[in-house]
Amino acid sequence: MSLRIFGVVTTVQAPTECMVRLAKAWPGEKGSLLVAGDRKGPYSYPLEGARLVTIEDQLQLPYALARVLPEKHYARKNLAYLMAMEQRAELIYETDDDNAPLPDWAVRGMRCASHQWSYPGWVNVYRWFSDKLIWPRGLALDAIRGTDLSKVSMDMSFADCPVQQGLANGSPDVDAIWRLVCDEAVSFEDAPSVRLAKGTWCPFNSQSTWWWPEAYPLMYLPSLVPFRMTDIWRSFVAQRCLWAMDRELVFHRAEVVQNRNPHTPYHDFVDEVKGYLRNPEIRTALEAVELREGSLHLGTNLHLCYEALVRIGVVPSAEMPLLEAWIADCEAVSARMGSTGN
């Protein structure tokens, strides 16, 4: 029996060349590549195998979040996550429409071989895959050069890792400072995967990321934070919750190339300022939260993490009703799946 894999993308434009390449490589059944539109469109999506979910379709979904989620926002992706869950997805791959799979792109397994990186604080994972001065969007700026590769285990071992982040060649996910100062095409090294031990922090994004069912609730993208921080701050919450599940985050070599959609680096910089200033504080706040152990408390743990971020004034309190709608929807979908069997 083949794996039920779903892909999730959000866009406001017609199929890009990257999406054409993804559709050709897509291993799932027809319609399992979900494309979430928004108020700007698209209103049709002529791409074989993909299913467009227009804004009108989204508003008809039986989810509490559909009634409160802001429009004209990347977080419309949340509804496609829920749709994939409802369709009994055994694996969800999320990406953006400017990322194209490389020839060796392939479905990953949750149990994977990797080196473990154990270091109390920030690490620059890009240093594991490159000797260049480059760092991921969301990394604390004082950790750009200070990464200690000697803290990476020399031995490969297997572990169940329900969240796995892939790198991107070409125009990788970096912050606006790097683009303003160093911007160049990048090809990461074909290094083995590395997983981050409890207490070892590195941001991950939503551009080439694999999710397995036990971590699905952690996919929630906040709507009322700076746009350039929505997936980054999600990643911090997800890492903190993974540790309470006795799980770790994996980074793996690039299997996509990004042909980046048009951006204005200075505008991105302005949107990222709050992250530059407060990401270290977010890490401290999340480390101080007492979470419940195990995978049965993800909803509670998500709520506790966001409560902590509201208390320090990083996330507005108005985000909480959206988060609660998401948690309720995840629980309702899980209950419906349980009541109808596997």
Foldseek 3Di string as FASTA:
>chain_A
DDAAEAEFEEDLDEQDPQNLQCLVVPPHAQQRHEYEYFPSDDPDYPHTRHDYCYLVNLCPDPFPLSVPFDTPARLSSLSVLLVSVLVVHQKYKYAYSQKHFAPPDDDDDQKDKAWEAEDQEEAFVLVQFDVDQFGAPLGAPVRSPVHDPVRIDPDIDIDGAQKEAEFAFFFTHGALVCCVPPDDTGATHQGAKYKYAPNYDGFGFRHTMMGGVLQSLLCRFFTQAQRSCRRRLSRLLSQLVQVLAVHIYMYGYHRIHGPDDDDDSVVRVVSCVLSNPCSVVLNVLSVPFDDHHHSVCVLVSSLSSVVSCCVVPRGPPVRNVSSVSSSVSVVVSVVVDVVVDD
